[in-house]
Amino acid sequence: MPTTKITVNDNGSLKIEGEFEIVDKNGQPYGLGGRTLVSLCRCGMSKNKPFCDGSHKGHFEHNAVAFDLPPKKV
């Protein structure tokens, strides 16, 4: 089974690696040109949203430390 890995980077993007598809709100896929690694913007400053262009450097702070979510509500 293919694996997709999402890494939350300190002070930056979400790095997605593996086999994946990214679609817009209408379900239309972005053309990824065969890439198996992309970075998505978390700061909102990229001129290439939803993809990261590095605009966050020096303007976005977040220490990415894993934690457990509370149990899912039923």
N, C-alpha and C. Protein backbone atom coordinates (compact mmCIF):
# COMPACT_ATOMS: atom_id res chain seq x y z
N MET A 1 0.85 -1.19 0.00
CA MET A 1 0.00 0.00 0.00
C MET A 1 0.89 1.25 0.00
N PRO A 2 0.63 2.22 -0.89
CA PRO A 2 1.42 3.44 -0.93
C PRO A 2 1.30 4.22 0.38
N THR A 3 2.38 4.89 0.74
CA THR A 3 2.40 5.67 1.96
C THR A 3 2.55 7.14 1.62
N THR A 4 1.79 7.97 2.32
CA THR A 4 1.93 9.41 2.22
C THR A 4 2.38 9.91 3.58
N LYS A 5 3.41 10.73 3.59
CA LYS A 5 3.94 11.27 4.83
C LYS A 5 3.79 12.79 4.79
N ILE A 6 3.22 13.37 5.84
CA ILE A 6 3.09 14.82 5.96
C ILE A 6 3.93 15.25 7.15
N THR A 7 4.87 16.15 6.89
CA THR A 7 5.75 16.66 7.93
C THR A 7 5.40 18.12 8.19
N VAL A 8 5.11 18.44 9.46
CA VAL A 8 4.86 19.83 9.86
C VAL A 8 6.22 20.43 10.21
N ASN A 9 6.69 21.32 9.38
CA ASN A 9 8.00 21.93 9.58
C ASN A 9 7.93 23.08 10.58
N ASP A 10 8.96 23.21 11.43
CA ASP A 10 9.08 24.38 12.30
C ASP A 10 9.07 25.63 11.43
N ASN A 11 8.32 26.64 11.87
CA ASN A 11 8.32 27.95 11.23
C ASN A 11 8.12 27.90 9.72
N GLY A 12 7.33 26.95 9.25
CA GLY A 12 7.17 26.86 7.80
C GLY A 12 6.05 25.97 7.33
N SER A 13 6.32 25.31 6.24
CA SER A 13 5.32 24.61 5.45
C SER A 13 4.95 23.23 5.98
N LEU A 14 3.98 22.64 5.30
CA LEU A 14 3.64 21.23 5.45
C LEU A 14 4.26 20.51 4.26
N LYS A 15 5.19 19.63 4.52
CA LYS A 15 5.85 18.88 3.45
C LYS A 15 5.10 17.57 3.25
N ILE A 16 4.66 17.31 2.01
CA ILE A 16 3.93 16.09 1.68
C ILE A 16 4.80 15.26 0.75
N GLU A 17 5.02 14.00 1.15
CA GLU A 17 5.86 13.09 0.37
C GLU A 17 5.10 11.80 0.11
N GLY A 18 5.29 11.21 -1.06
CA GLY A 18 4.69 9.93 -1.38
C GLY A 18 3.77 10.04 -2.58
N GLU A 19 2.73 9.23 -2.55
CA GLU A 19 1.71 9.28 -3.60
C GLU A 19 0.50 10.00 -3.04
N PHE A 20 0.09 11.07 -3.71
CA PHE A 20 -1.03 11.87 -3.24
C PHE A 20 -1.61 12.66 -4.39
N GLU A 21 -2.78 13.20 -4.15
CA GLU A 21 -3.44 14.10 -5.08
C GLU A 21 -3.89 15.30 -4.27
N ILE A 22 -3.74 16.50 -4.82
CA ILE A 22 -4.22 17.72 -4.18
C ILE A 22 -5.28 18.31 -5.09
N VAL A 23 -6.46 18.56 -4.52
CA VAL A 23 -7.58 19.09 -5.30
C VAL A 23 -8.05 20.40 -4.71
N ASP A 24 -8.69 21.23 -5.55
CA ASP A 24 -9.27 22.48 -5.07
C ASP A 24 -10.65 22.22 -4.47
N LYS A 25 -11.33 23.29 -4.04
CA LYS A 25 -12.63 23.14 -3.38
C LYS A 25 -13.69 22.50 -4.27
N ASN A 26 -13.46 22.50 -5.59
CA ASN A 26 -14.41 21.89 -6.52
C ASN A 26 -14.01 20.47 -6.91
N GLY A 27 -12.93 19.98 -6.30
CA GLY A 27 -12.48 18.63 -6.60
C GLY A 27 -11.57 18.53 -7.81
N GLN A 28 -11.19 19.68 -8.38
CA GLN A 28 -10.31 19.69 -9.55
C GLN A 28 -8.85 19.54 -9.09
N PRO A 29 -8.11 18.61 -9.68
CA PRO A 29 -6.73 18.38 -9.24
C PRO A 29 -5.76 19.45 -9.72
N TYR A 30 -4.80 19.75 -8.86
CA TYR A 30 -3.67 20.59 -9.26
C TYR A 30 -2.72 19.73 -10.07
N GLY A 31 -2.15 20.28 -11.12
CA GLY A 31 -1.15 19.56 -11.92
C GLY A 31 0.18 19.60 -11.19
N LEU A 32 0.61 18.47 -10.70
CA LEU A 32 1.82 18.41 -9.89
C LEU A 32 3.05 18.03 -10.69
N GLY A 33 2.91 17.83 -11.98
CA GLY A 33 4.05 17.56 -12.84
C GLY A 33 4.86 16.33 -12.43
N GLY A 34 4.19 15.32 -11.89
CA GLY A 34 4.86 14.09 -11.52
C GLY A 34 5.60 14.15 -10.18
N ARG A 35 5.46 15.25 -9.45
CA ARG A 35 6.16 15.38 -8.17
C ARG A 35 5.62 14.39 -7.13
N THR A 36 6.51 13.89 -6.31
CA THR A 36 6.14 13.05 -5.17
C THR A 36 6.50 13.75 -3.87
N LEU A 37 6.87 15.03 -3.95
CA LEU A 37 7.16 15.85 -2.78
C LEU A 37 6.78 17.29 -3.12
N VAL A 38 5.92 17.87 -2.30
CA VAL A 38 5.57 19.29 -2.42
C VAL A 38 5.45 19.85 -1.00
N SER A 39 5.50 21.17 -0.89
CA SER A 39 5.31 21.83 0.39
C SER A 39 4.11 22.77 0.26
N LEU A 40 3.21 22.67 1.23
CA LEU A 40 2.02 23.52 1.26
C LEU A 40 2.21 24.66 2.25
N CYS A 41 1.71 25.83 1.88
CA CYS A 41 1.82 27.03 2.69
C CYS A 41 0.94 26.90 3.94
N ARG A 42 1.49 27.29 5.11
CA ARG A 42 0.72 27.37 6.35
C ARG A 42 0.56 28.81 6.81
N CYS A 43 1.39 29.72 6.32
CA CYS A 43 1.42 31.08 6.85
C CYS A 43 0.46 32.02 6.13
N GLY A 44 0.06 31.67 4.90
CA GLY A 44 -0.83 32.53 4.13
C GLY A 44 -0.12 33.61 3.31
N MET A 45 1.21 33.66 3.36
CA MET A 45 1.96 34.71 2.67
C MET A 45 2.46 34.32 1.28
N SER A 46 2.37 33.05 0.91
CA SER A 46 2.88 32.59 -0.38
C SER A 46 2.14 33.23 -1.53
N LYS A 47 2.86 33.57 -2.57
CA LYS A 47 2.24 34.08 -3.79
C LYS A 47 1.88 32.93 -4.72
N ASN A 48 2.14 31.72 -4.27
CA ASN A 48 1.91 30.51 -5.07
C ASN A 48 1.00 29.55 -4.31
N LYS A 49 0.08 30.10 -3.48
CA LYS A 49 -0.82 29.26 -2.68
C LYS A 49 -1.59 28.29 -3.55
N PRO A 50 -1.79 27.07 -3.12
CA PRO A 50 -1.56 26.56 -1.78
C PRO A 50 -0.13 26.10 -1.54
N PHE A 51 0.76 26.30 -2.49
CA PHE A 51 2.13 25.82 -2.37
C PHE A 51 3.01 26.86 -1.70
N CYS A 52 4.01 26.40 -0.96
CA CYS A 52 4.93 27.27 -0.25
C CYS A 52 5.96 27.84 -1.23
N ASP A 53 6.24 29.15 -1.09
CA ASP A 53 7.30 29.76 -1.89
C ASP A 53 8.40 30.35 -1.01
N GLY A 54 8.35 30.05 0.29
CA GLY A 54 9.37 30.54 1.22
C GLY A 54 9.11 31.91 1.79
N SER A 55 7.97 32.53 1.48
CA SER A 55 7.65 33.87 1.96
C SER A 55 7.58 33.95 3.49
N HIS A 56 7.38 32.83 4.15
CA HIS A 56 7.23 32.80 5.60
C HIS A 56 8.52 33.11 6.35
N LYS A 57 9.64 32.97 5.71
CA LYS A 57 10.93 33.09 6.41
C LYS A 57 11.02 34.41 7.18
N GLY A 58 11.18 34.29 8.49
CA GLY A 58 11.28 35.45 9.37
C GLY A 58 9.96 36.08 9.75
N HIS A 59 8.83 35.51 9.29
CA HIS A 59 7.52 36.12 9.54
C HIS A 59 6.51 35.14 10.15
N PHE A 60 6.93 33.94 10.44
CA PHE A 60 5.99 32.91 10.89
C PHE A 60 6.70 32.04 11.90
N GLU A 61 6.15 31.94 13.09
CA GLU A 61 6.79 31.13 14.12
C GLU A 61 5.83 30.07 14.63
N HIS A 62 6.30 28.85 14.59
CA HIS A 62 5.54 27.73 15.15
C HIS A 62 6.50 26.57 15.36
N ASN A 63 6.62 26.12 16.58
CA ASN A 63 7.44 24.94 16.87
C ASN A 63 6.58 23.71 16.67
N ALA A 64 6.94 22.90 15.73
CA ALA A 64 6.16 21.71 15.40
C ALA A 64 6.55 20.57 16.34
N VAL A 65 5.72 20.34 17.34
CA VAL A 65 5.94 19.26 18.29
C VAL A 65 4.67 18.41 18.32
N ALA A 66 4.82 17.12 18.06
CA ALA A 66 3.66 16.22 17.99
C ALA A 66 2.96 16.10 19.34
N PHE A 67 1.65 15.94 19.29
CA PHE A 67 0.83 15.70 20.49
C PHE A 67 -0.36 14.86 20.10
N ASP A 68 -1.03 14.30 21.09
CA ASP A 68 -2.21 13.47 20.84
C ASP A 68 -3.46 14.33 20.87
N LEU A 69 -4.34 14.14 19.90
CA LEU A 69 -5.64 14.80 19.91
C LEU A 69 -6.54 14.13 20.95
N PRO A 70 -7.53 14.85 21.47
CA PRO A 70 -8.47 14.19 22.38
C PRO A 70 -9.28 13.16 21.60
N PRO A 71 -9.94 12.24 22.32
CA PRO A 71 -10.75 11.23 21.63
C PRO A 71 -11.79 11.88 20.72
N LYS A 72 -12.06 11.21 19.62
CA LYS A 72 -13.05 11.68 18.64
C LYS A 72 -14.44 11.69 19.27
N LYS A 73 -15.18 12.77 19.03
CA LYS A 73 -16.55 12.88 19.54
C LYS A 73 -17.47 11.97 18.73
N VAL A 74 -18.40 11.34 19.43
CA VAL A 74 -19.37 10.47 18.76
C VAL A 74 -20.76 10.98 18.90
